[in-house]
Amino acid sequence: MTPNPIRKVLSILRTCRVRFLLMGGQACVFYGAAEFSRDTDIVIAMSATNLRRLRAALTIISNSSMRLPRSASNSGCWNPGRRNGSLP
């Protein structure tokens, strides 16, 4: 079974103790809604310590092997699988 990439990203953020808020469709799914969402909307707390933690988490995420759904990997959204995290 392929791990859910959204759960993997959220797990890495928690492991790195990043303070963040999950919003949007994925937050609804975690509360039991039947809706489906392919993206994750998060807000990051802006503090020097938290941004250092975020940088560490993004390094782990960018070095991770994740399978993204075809439509997500072809979108114009940021893709953590890209080395520089740039937009297309």
C-alpha atoms as a PDB file:
ATOM      1  CA  MET A   1       0.000   0.000   0.000  1.00  0.00           C
ATOM      2  CA  THR A   2       1.312   3.446  -0.955  1.00  0.00           C
ATOM      3  CA  PRO A   3       1.404   5.832   2.036  1.00  0.00           C
ATOM      4  CA  ASN A   4      -0.860   8.867   1.802  1.00  0.00           C
ATOM      5  CA  PRO A   5       1.473  11.768   0.868  1.00  0.00           C
ATOM      6  CA  ILE A   6      -0.619  14.283   2.815  1.00  0.00           C
ATOM      7  CA  ARG A   7      -0.430  12.204   6.001  1.00  0.00           C
ATOM      8  CA  LYS A   8       3.309  11.771   5.446  1.00  0.00           C
ATOM      9  CA  VAL A   9       3.872  15.538   5.155  1.00  0.00           C
ATOM     10  CA  LEU A  10       1.747  16.228   8.247  1.00  0.00           C
ATOM     11  CA  SER A  11       3.637  13.538  10.165  1.00  0.00           C
ATOM     12  CA  ILE A  12       7.000  15.083   9.239  1.00  0.00           C
ATOM     13  CA  LEU A  13       5.789  18.542  10.288  1.00  0.00           C
ATOM     14  CA  ARG A  14       4.690  17.123  13.659  1.00  0.00           C
ATOM     15  CA  THR A  15       7.935  15.179  14.119  1.00  0.00           C
ATOM     16  CA  CYS A  16       9.897  18.404  13.523  1.00  0.00           C
ATOM     17  CA  ARG A  17       7.596  20.212  15.992  1.00  0.00           C
ATOM     18  CA  VAL A  18       6.468  22.770  13.402  1.00  0.00           C
ATOM     19  CA  ARG A  19       3.552  24.849  14.674  1.00  0.00           C
ATOM     20  CA  PHE A  20       0.954  24.816  11.912  1.00  0.00           C
ATOM     21  CA  LEU A  21      -2.782  24.830  11.332  1.00  0.00           C
ATOM     22  CA  LEU A  22      -4.428  22.410   8.902  1.00  0.00           C
ATOM     23  CA  MET A  23      -7.263  24.076   6.976  1.00  0.00           C
ATOM     24  CA  GLY A  24      -9.552  23.438   4.039  1.00  0.00           C
ATOM     25  CA  GLY A  25     -10.768  20.135   2.644  1.00  0.00           C
ATOM     26  CA  GLN A  26      -8.155  17.966   4.359  1.00  0.00           C
ATOM     27  CA  ALA A  27      -9.102  19.395   7.759  1.00  0.00           C
ATOM     28  CA  CYS A  28     -12.705  18.405   7.016  1.00  0.00           C
ATOM     29  CA  VAL A  29     -11.582  14.889   6.059  1.00  0.00           C
ATOM     30  CA  PHE A  30      -9.676  14.522   9.341  1.00  0.00           C
ATOM     31  CA  TYR A  31     -12.878  15.485  11.182  1.00  0.00           C
ATOM     32  CA  GLY A  32     -14.787  12.777   9.318  1.00  0.00           C
ATOM     33  CA  ALA A  33     -16.251  14.526   6.266  1.00  0.00           C
ATOM     34  CA  ALA A  34     -16.623  12.384   3.164  1.00  0.00           C
ATOM     35  CA  GLU A  35     -15.278  15.082   0.829  1.00  0.00           C
ATOM     36  CA  PHE A  36     -12.125  14.445  -1.167  1.00  0.00           C
ATOM     37  CA  SER A  37      -9.338  16.946  -1.564  1.00  0.00           C
ATOM     38  CA  ARG A  38      -6.013  16.508  -3.355  1.00  0.00           C
ATOM     39  CA  ASP A  39      -4.266  19.458  -1.747  1.00  0.00           C
ATOM     40  CA  THR A  40      -3.336  20.528   1.747  1.00  0.00           C
ATOM     41  CA  ASP A  41      -3.852  24.039   3.062  1.00  0.00           C
ATOM     42  CA  ILE A  42      -1.724  24.931   6.064  1.00  0.00           C
ATOM     43  CA  VAL A  43      -0.746  28.098   7.896  1.00  0.00           C
ATOM     44  CA  ILE A  44       2.676  28.218   9.534  1.00  0.00           C
ATOM     45  CA  ALA A  45       3.295  30.173  12.755  1.00  0.00           C
ATOM     46  CA  MET A  46       5.824  32.905  11.980  1.00  0.00           C
ATOM     47  CA  SER A  47       8.606  32.800  14.530  1.00  0.00           C
ATOM     48  CA  ALA A  48      12.334  32.315  14.053  1.00  0.00           C
ATOM     49  CA  THR A  49      12.275  29.000  15.907  1.00  0.00           C
ATOM     50  CA  ASN A  50       9.293  27.693  13.976  1.00  0.00           C
ATOM     51  CA  LEU A  51      10.778  28.732  10.636  1.00  0.00           C
ATOM     52  CA  ARG A  52      13.978  26.815  11.490  1.00  0.00           C
ATOM     53  CA  ARG A  53      11.820  23.778  12.276  1.00  0.00           C
ATOM     54  CA  LEU A  54       9.941  24.259   9.005  1.00  0.00           C
ATOM     55  CA  ARG A  55      13.211  24.396   7.070  1.00  0.00           C
ATOM     56  CA  ALA A  56      14.278  21.088   8.659  1.00  0.00           C
ATOM     57  CA  ALA A  57      10.892  19.533   7.843  1.00  0.00           C
ATOM     58  CA  LEU A  58      11.021  20.724   4.224  1.00  0.00           C
ATOM     59  CA  THR A  59      14.493  19.216   3.863  1.00  0.00           C
ATOM     60  CA  ILE A  60      13.138  15.858   5.036  1.00  0.00           C
ATOM     61  CA  ILE A  61      10.096  16.173   2.772  1.00  0.00           C
ATOM     62  CA  SER A  62      12.179  17.069  -0.294  1.00  0.00           C
ATOM     63  CA  ASN A  63      14.432  14.061   0.333  1.00  0.00           C
ATOM     64  CA  SER A  64      11.458  11.704   0.806  1.00  0.00           C
ATOM     65  CA  SER A  65      10.074   9.410  -1.808  1.00  0.00           C
ATOM     66  CA  MET A  66       6.387  10.215  -2.289  1.00  0.00           C
ATOM     67  CA  ARG A  67       3.938   9.187  -4.951  1.00  0.00           C
ATOM     68  CA  LEU A  68       1.648  12.050  -5.911  1.00  0.00           C
ATOM     69  CA  PRO A  69      -1.636  11.582  -7.776  1.00  0.00           C
ATOM     70  CA  ARG A  70      -1.199  12.293 -11.488  1.00  0.00           C
ATOM     71  CA  SER A  71      -3.314  15.466 -11.429  1.00  0.00           C
ATOM     72  CA  ALA A  72      -1.439  16.818  -8.394  1.00  0.00           C
ATOM     73  CA  SER A  73       1.996  16.182  -9.874  1.00  0.00           C
ATOM     74  CA  ASN A  74       1.049  18.019 -13.096  1.00  0.00           C
ATOM     75  CA  SER A  75      -0.476  21.079 -11.441  1.00  0.00           C
ATOM     76  CA  GLY A  76       1.154  24.472 -11.036  1.00  0.00           C
ATOM     77  CA  CYS A  77       1.442  23.972  -7.279  1.00  0.00           C
ATOM     78  CA  TRP A  78       4.663  23.693  -5.326  1.00  0.00           C
ATOM     79  CA  ASN A  79       5.991  20.154  -5.443  1.00  0.00           C
ATOM     80  CA  PRO A  80       8.194  19.095  -2.524  1.00  0.00           C
ATOM     81  CA  GLY A  81       9.740  16.422  -4.761  1.00  0.00           C
ATOM     82  CA  ARG A  82      11.558  19.111  -6.758  1.00  0.00           C
ATOM     83  CA  ARG A  83      15.013  19.894  -5.500  1.00  0.00           C
ATOM     84  CA  ASN A  84      14.592  23.662  -5.412  1.00  0.00           C
ATOM     85  CA  GLY A  85      10.854  23.686  -4.655  1.00  0.00           C
ATOM     86  CA  SER A  86      10.319  26.019  -7.599  1.00  0.00           C
ATOM     87  CA  LEU A  87       7.110  26.497  -9.493  1.00  0.00           C
ATOM     88  CA  PRO A  88       6.953  25.223 -13.092  1.00  0.00           C
END
